[in-house]
């Protein structure tokens, strides 16, 4: 961890485990209903999708998870998206190329932002709707914003949750300054593992240490970690995406957004600090900004009631 370059960009780079810090809201996995699953076939990747809620007249939501290098599973550790938001409209998750259940058909296929945008557009086309509501969590906010810039006519509304947009270069996490002891201990523990699975064990241990630095509530963090046995991490994908988008800056494009935008931010997020969301919200015309006063990077896990209420209210208004 320590001074790893990706750590300074607010990405999980713990012994090559990469996954942008952004999780779900608080409740147990046993509350999550079974989704409808489908696969979008493309020449480069088969994209796995997971749909919650019944089809209705309300515009569906596509939830874009963070990472890069994580599957969507970290977002469904409680019922905020799968029941509370899905009670009013369909909510569709998908695993980004090379993660989770989305398998690469073409070895060495690109992990560029253009490729990620194309995959998201393929998911939208699968729904046979002209417009969708987009939710981008952490790194997913950067991807959702890039898609919205490329396909503004397909976006009805955009929600950015502790988002990495406008780009990694704009981020300045404060984890090193606040948690030098946790970082040092995690590194020391990682060096003790041996055997053929030592890298996996070290990565998992450091990932869990990282979680403990991005929660406001230690109790909620421990509850999350007890329930989240597998976050679907694919470090090689995270490394490739991070390298490909290292210098991306979407602020000029985001300033041109003309659809409704809601920016959500944990007050005590040391990973994507509140000033980032403040700047984004004040550069996008008409954007709304809501702070969560008892949250770190994961307001939908730490303050689920308020989070679901704010999201549903925004979507119903637009």
Protein backbone atom coordinates (compact mmCIF):
# COMPACT_ATOMS: atom_id res chain seq x y z
CA UNK A 1 0.00 0.00 0.00
CA UNK A 2 1.98 2.97 1.31
CA UNK A 3 3.11 5.18 -1.52
CA UNK A 4 1.85 3.02 -4.36
CA UNK A 5 0.90 5.30 -7.30
CA UNK A 6 -2.61 3.93 -7.64
CA UNK A 7 -3.20 4.41 -3.92
CA UNK A 8 -2.58 8.11 -4.39
CA UNK A 9 -5.26 8.04 -7.10
CA UNK A 10 -7.80 6.61 -4.69
CA UNK A 11 -7.64 3.11 -6.10
CA UNK A 12 -7.11 -0.07 -4.13
CA UNK A 13 -3.58 -1.11 -4.93
CA UNK A 14 -2.78 -3.53 -2.15
CA UNK A 15 -0.20 -6.11 -3.22
CA UNK A 16 -1.62 -5.81 -6.75
CA UNK A 17 -5.22 -6.01 -5.56
CA UNK A 18 -6.98 -3.18 -7.29
CA UNK A 19 -10.53 -2.12 -6.58
CA UNK A 20 -11.83 1.37 -6.22
CA UNK A 21 -13.15 2.09 -2.78
CA UNK A 22 -16.86 2.17 -3.08
CA UNK A 23 -19.27 -0.21 -1.49
CA UNK A 24 -22.94 -0.75 -0.70
CA UNK A 25 -25.41 0.02 2.07
CA UNK A 26 -25.90 -1.79 5.33
CA UNK A 27 -27.86 -5.03 5.70
CA UNK A 28 -27.12 -8.69 5.30
CA UNK A 29 -26.79 -10.58 2.07
CA UNK A 30 -29.78 -12.72 3.01
CA UNK A 31 -32.03 -9.75 2.23
CA UNK A 32 -30.97 -9.61 -1.42
CA UNK A 33 -33.51 -11.17 -3.83
CA UNK A 34 -32.48 -13.30 -6.78
CA UNK A 35 -31.95 -11.28 -9.96
CA UNK A 36 -32.94 -12.00 -13.52
CA UNK A 37 -29.70 -12.71 -15.37
CA UNK A 38 -28.89 -12.17 -19.04
CA UNK A 39 -25.75 -12.01 -21.15
CA UNK A 40 -24.85 -9.41 -23.76
CA UNK A 41 -22.71 -11.06 -26.43
CA UNK A 42 -20.06 -8.94 -28.15
CA UNK A 43 -16.97 -9.96 -30.15
CA UNK A 44 -14.66 -9.06 -27.26
CA UNK A 45 -16.65 -9.96 -24.15
CA UNK A 46 -19.82 -11.64 -22.90
CA UNK A 47 -21.26 -9.11 -20.44
CA UNK A 48 -23.25 -10.57 -17.57
CA UNK A 49 -26.23 -8.50 -16.39
CA UNK A 50 -28.31 -8.77 -13.22
CA UNK A 51 -31.76 -7.18 -13.08
CA UNK A 52 -33.79 -6.46 -9.94
CA UNK A 53 -37.37 -5.20 -9.84
CA UNK A 54 -40.22 -5.56 -12.29
CA UNK A 55 -40.51 -3.72 -15.57
CA UNK A 56 -42.56 -0.55 -15.15
CA UNK A 57 -43.23 2.76 -16.84
CA UNK A 58 -40.41 4.36 -14.83
CA UNK A 59 -37.05 4.75 -16.54
CA UNK A 60 -34.74 1.89 -15.55
CA UNK A 61 -31.51 2.40 -13.65
CA UNK A 62 -28.15 1.03 -14.73
CA UNK A 63 -25.80 0.89 -11.75
CA UNK A 64 -22.12 1.18 -12.67
CA UNK A 65 -19.92 -0.26 -9.97
CA UNK A 66 -16.51 0.91 -8.88
CA UNK A 67 -13.14 -0.69 -9.13
CA UNK A 68 -11.64 -0.87 -11.57
CA UNK A 69 -11.25 -4.60 -11.22
CA UNK A 70 -14.28 -5.42 -9.04
CA UNK A 71 -17.52 -7.13 -9.97
CA UNK A 72 -20.89 -5.62 -9.10
CA UNK A 73 -21.27 -7.84 -6.04
CA UNK A 74 -19.99 -5.30 -3.51
CA UNK A 75 -22.98 -3.10 -4.32
CA UNK A 76 -25.57 -5.67 -3.30
CA UNK A 77 -24.52 -6.42 0.26
CA UNK A 78 -27.84 -4.94 1.39
CA UNK A 79 -31.25 -4.06 -0.02
CA UNK A 80 -30.87 -0.38 -0.95
CA UNK A 81 -30.64 -1.03 -4.69
CA UNK A 82 -32.15 -4.49 -4.93
CA UNK A 83 -35.38 -3.75 -3.01
CA UNK A 84 -35.77 -0.10 -2.02
CA UNK A 85 -34.89 1.46 -5.38
CA UNK A 86 -36.01 -1.59 -7.39
CA UNK A 87 -39.46 -1.34 -5.80
CA UNK A 88 -40.23 1.49 -8.26
CA UNK A 89 -38.25 0.56 -11.37
CA UNK A 90 -35.84 -1.96 -12.78
CA UNK A 91 -32.27 -1.72 -11.50
CA UNK A 92 -29.67 -3.36 -13.72
CA UNK A 93 -26.15 -4.24 -12.65
CA UNK A 94 -23.49 -5.66 -14.91
CA UNK A 95 -19.96 -6.97 -14.45
CA UNK A 96 -17.42 -4.92 -16.35
CA UNK A 97 -15.29 -6.71 -18.93
CA UNK A 98 -12.97 -9.30 -17.43
CA UNK A 99 -14.55 -9.17 -13.96
CA UNK A 100 -17.08 -11.38 -12.19
CA UNK A 101 -19.23 -13.31 -14.64
CA UNK A 102 -18.26 -11.22 -17.71
CA UNK A 103 -15.82 -13.34 -19.66
CA UNK A 104 -13.39 -12.07 -22.27
CA UNK A 105 -13.85 -13.70 -25.67
CA UNK A 106 -10.78 -12.07 -27.14
CA UNK A 107 -7.58 -12.41 -25.10
CA UNK A 108 -5.79 -9.11 -24.88
CA UNK A 109 -8.90 -7.07 -25.71
CA UNK A 110 -8.48 -3.42 -24.70
CA UNK A 111 -9.39 -2.06 -21.27
CA UNK A 112 -9.67 1.53 -22.45
CA UNK A 113 -12.44 3.91 -21.49
CA UNK A 114 -13.79 3.70 -25.03
CA UNK A 115 -14.11 -0.07 -24.63
CA UNK A 116 -15.86 0.35 -21.27
CA UNK A 117 -18.27 2.89 -22.79
CA UNK A 118 -19.07 0.50 -25.64
CA UNK A 119 -19.89 -2.24 -23.14
CA UNK A 120 -22.22 0.03 -21.20
CA UNK A 121 -23.95 1.06 -24.41
CA UNK A 122 -24.43 -2.62 -25.24
CA UNK A 123 -26.12 -3.12 -21.87
CA UNK A 124 -28.43 -0.16 -22.54
CA UNK A 125 -29.31 -1.52 -25.98
CA UNK A 126 -30.22 -4.85 -24.39
CA UNK A 127 -32.99 -3.08 -22.45
CA UNK A 128 -34.65 -1.76 -25.64
CA UNK A 129 -35.15 1.67 -24.07
CA UNK A 130 -33.97 4.99 -25.42
CA UNK A 131 -33.08 6.55 -22.08
CA UNK A 132 -31.76 5.22 -18.78
CA UNK A 133 -30.90 6.64 -15.39
CA UNK A 134 -27.23 6.09 -14.64
CA UNK A 135 -25.72 5.60 -11.18
CA UNK A 136 -21.94 5.67 -10.95
CA UNK A 137 -20.29 4.62 -7.71
CA UNK A 138 -16.69 5.70 -7.09
CA UNK A 139 -14.69 4.66 -10.19
CA UNK A 140 -18.08 3.85 -11.68
CA UNK A 141 -18.88 7.56 -11.53
CA UNK A 142 -16.00 8.20 -13.90
CA UNK A 143 -17.23 5.52 -16.31
CA UNK A 144 -20.85 6.71 -16.07
CA UNK A 145 -19.75 10.30 -16.74
CA UNK A 146 -17.69 9.21 -19.74
CA UNK A 147 -20.71 7.34 -21.13
CA UNK A 148 -22.95 10.36 -20.49
CA UNK A 149 -20.52 12.53 -22.41
CA UNK A 150 -20.45 10.11 -25.34
CA UNK A 151 -24.22 9.34 -25.35
CA UNK A 152 -26.03 12.28 -23.71
CA UNK A 153 -29.23 11.54 -25.62
CA UNK A 154 -29.52 8.19 -23.82
CA UNK A 155 -29.21 9.64 -20.30
CA UNK A 156 -32.31 10.80 -18.49
CA UNK A 157 -30.54 11.50 -15.18
CA UNK A 158 -27.13 10.83 -13.63
CA UNK A 159 -26.26 10.05 -10.01
CA UNK A 160 -22.63 10.27 -8.90
CA UNK A 161 -21.92 8.61 -5.54
CA UNK A 162 -18.55 9.44 -3.93
CA UNK A 163 -17.41 9.55 -7.51
CA UNK A 164 -13.94 9.47 -9.05
CA UNK A 165 -15.09 11.77 -11.82
CA UNK A 166 -13.66 13.88 -13.36
CA UNK A 167 -10.56 11.66 -13.18
CA UNK A 168 -7.90 10.03 -11.04
CA UNK A 169 -5.56 13.02 -11.34
CA UNK A 170 -8.11 15.20 -9.52
CA UNK A 171 -8.17 12.92 -6.47
CA UNK A 172 -6.06 13.35 -3.35
CA UNK A 173 -6.92 10.66 -0.81
CA UNK A 174 -5.90 11.22 2.80
CA UNK A 175 -5.60 7.60 3.91
CA UNK A 176 -1.81 7.67 4.25
CA UNK A 177 -1.90 10.66 6.57
CA UNK A 178 -4.73 9.42 8.78
CA UNK A 179 -3.97 5.69 8.91
CA UNK A 180 -0.19 5.18 8.73
CA UNK A 181 -0.44 2.45 11.37
CA UNK A 182 -3.09 0.47 9.49
CA UNK A 183 -1.14 0.70 6.26
CA UNK A 184 2.09 -0.39 7.93
CA UNK A 185 0.43 -3.31 9.74
CA UNK A 186 -1.31 -4.51 6.56
CA UNK A 187 1.96 -4.50 4.66
CA UNK A 188 3.73 -6.41 7.43
CA UNK A 189 0.97 -9.02 7.59
CA UNK A 190 1.07 -9.49 3.82
CA UNK A 191 4.77 -10.31 3.95
CA UNK A 192 4.14 -13.20 6.37
CA UNK A 193 2.08 -15.31 3.99
CA UNK A 194 3.70 -18.20 2.16
CA UNK A 195 2.66 -21.01 -0.15
CA UNK A 196 1.09 -21.07 -3.61
CA UNK A 197 -1.87 -18.93 -2.53
CA UNK A 198 0.15 -16.34 -0.64
CA UNK A 199 -0.65 -13.55 -3.11
CA UNK A 200 -4.38 -14.19 -2.82
CA UNK A 201 -4.25 -14.28 0.98
CA UNK A 202 -2.12 -11.16 1.15
CA UNK A 203 -4.40 -9.28 -1.22
CA UNK A 204 -7.51 -10.25 0.72
CA UNK A 205 -5.96 -9.23 4.01
CA UNK A 206 -4.84 -5.89 2.69
CA UNK A 207 -8.21 -5.29 1.04
CA UNK A 208 -9.96 -5.81 4.35
CA UNK A 209 -7.51 -3.48 6.03
CA UNK A 210 -8.29 -0.94 3.36
CA UNK A 211 -12.02 -1.18 4.08
CA UNK A 212 -11.31 -0.29 7.68
CA UNK A 213 -9.93 3.03 6.51
CA UNK A 214 -12.90 4.08 4.40
CA UNK A 215 -15.77 3.59 6.83
CA UNK A 216 -17.02 6.20 9.25
CA UNK A 217 -18.37 3.52 11.60
CA UNK A 218 -16.02 0.69 12.68
CA UNK A 219 -19.05 -1.37 13.69
CA UNK A 220 -20.65 -1.12 10.25
CA UNK A 221 -17.31 -1.90 8.67
CA UNK A 222 -16.98 -5.12 10.64
CA UNK A 223 -20.54 -6.09 9.75
CA UNK A 224 -19.83 -5.49 6.09
CA UNK A 225 -16.63 -7.53 6.18
CA UNK A 226 -18.38 -10.42 7.92
CA UNK A 227 -20.98 -10.59 5.14
CA UNK A 228 -18.78 -9.78 2.13
CA UNK A 229 -16.81 -12.98 1.69
CA UNK A 230 -15.97 -12.38 -1.98
CA UNK A 231 -15.91 -9.03 -3.74
CA UNK A 232 -15.06 -10.46 -7.15
CA UNK A 233 -11.68 -8.78 -7.45
CA UNK A 234 -9.62 -9.18 -10.64
CA UNK A 235 -6.36 -7.31 -10.00
CA UNK A 236 -5.00 -7.61 -13.55
CA UNK A 237 -8.11 -5.91 -14.93
CA UNK A 238 -7.86 -3.15 -12.34
CA UNK A 239 -4.23 -2.52 -13.26
CA UNK A 240 -4.98 -2.43 -17.00
CA UNK A 241 -7.94 -0.06 -16.68
CA UNK A 242 -6.12 2.24 -14.28
CA UNK A 243 -3.18 2.53 -16.63
CA UNK A 244 -5.42 3.18 -19.64
CA UNK A 245 -7.38 6.02 -17.98
CA UNK A 246 -4.58 7.51 -15.88
CA UNK A 247 -4.70 10.92 -17.53
CA UNK A 248 -8.41 11.13 -18.33
CA UNK A 249 -10.05 14.42 -17.29
CA UNK A 250 -13.77 14.78 -17.94
CA UNK A 251 -14.39 18.13 -16.27
CA UNK A 252 -14.78 20.07 -19.55
CA UNK A 253 -17.36 17.57 -20.79
CA UNK A 254 -19.17 17.39 -17.44
CA UNK A 255 -19.61 21.15 -17.44
CA UNK A 256 -21.72 20.67 -20.58
CA UNK A 257 -24.16 18.17 -19.04
CA UNK A 258 -27.76 19.31 -19.48
CA UNK A 259 -29.63 16.43 -17.85
CA UNK A 260 -30.42 16.28 -14.11
CA UNK A 261 -27.41 15.34 -11.96
CA UNK A 262 -27.34 14.32 -8.29
CA UNK A 263 -24.00 14.22 -6.47
CA UNK A 264 -23.84 12.18 -3.24
CA UNK A 265 -20.92 12.44 -0.84
CA UNK A 266 -19.90 10.98 2.52
CA UNK A 267 -18.74 13.83 4.74
CA UNK A 268 -15.83 11.81 6.15
CA UNK A 269 -14.69 10.14 2.96
CA UNK A 270 -10.89 10.13 3.06
CA UNK A 271 -10.67 8.40 -0.30
CA UNK A 272 -12.70 10.71 -2.51
CA UNK A 273 -12.59 13.81 -0.37
CA UNK A 274 -15.67 16.08 -0.25
CA UNK A 275 -14.01 18.92 -2.13
CA UNK A 276 -13.96 16.75 -5.26
CA UNK A 277 -17.73 16.33 -5.23
CA UNK A 278 -18.16 20.00 -4.33
CA UNK A 279 -16.16 21.06 -7.40
CA UNK A 280 -18.03 18.66 -9.68
CA UNK A 281 -21.45 19.72 -8.41
CA UNK A 282 -20.61 23.38 -8.91
CA UNK A 283 -19.30 22.86 -12.44
CA UNK A 284 -22.38 20.97 -13.70
CA UNK A 285 -25.29 23.35 -14.29
CA UNK A 286 -28.16 22.68 -11.90
CA UNK A 287 -26.51 19.71 -10.15
CA UNK A 288 -27.75 18.84 -6.66
CA UNK A 289 -25.25 17.97 -3.90
CA UNK A 290 -26.20 15.96 -0.81
CA UNK A 291 -23.78 15.22 2.04
CA UNK A 292 -24.10 12.24 4.38
CA UNK A 293 -22.91 13.38 7.77
CA UNK A 294 -22.25 9.94 9.29
CA UNK A 295 -20.53 8.28 6.34
CA UNK A 296 -17.16 7.71 4.82
CA UNK A 297 -16.83 6.46 1.26
CA UNK A 298 -19.89 4.22 1.58
CA UNK A 299 -22.96 6.32 2.42
CA UNK A 300 -25.36 3.78 0.99
CA UNK A 301 -24.02 1.26 3.49
CA UNK A 302 -23.64 3.57 6.47
CA UNK A 303 -26.83 5.65 6.03
CA UNK A 304 -29.10 3.41 3.94
CA UNK A 305 -32.42 5.00 4.93
CA UNK A 306 -31.39 8.50 3.95
CA UNK A 307 -29.56 7.25 0.86
CA UNK A 308 -32.54 5.33 -0.50
CA UNK A 309 -34.88 8.24 0.25
CA UNK A 310 -32.65 10.76 -1.55
CA UNK A 311 -32.14 8.53 -4.58
CA UNK A 312 -35.82 7.62 -4.92
CA UNK A 313 -36.88 11.22 -4.47
CA UNK A 314 -34.49 12.40 -7.17
CA UNK A 315 -35.49 9.68 -9.64
CA UNK A 316 -39.21 10.23 -9.05
CA UNK A 317 -38.76 13.97 -9.64
CA UNK A 318 -37.07 13.41 -12.98
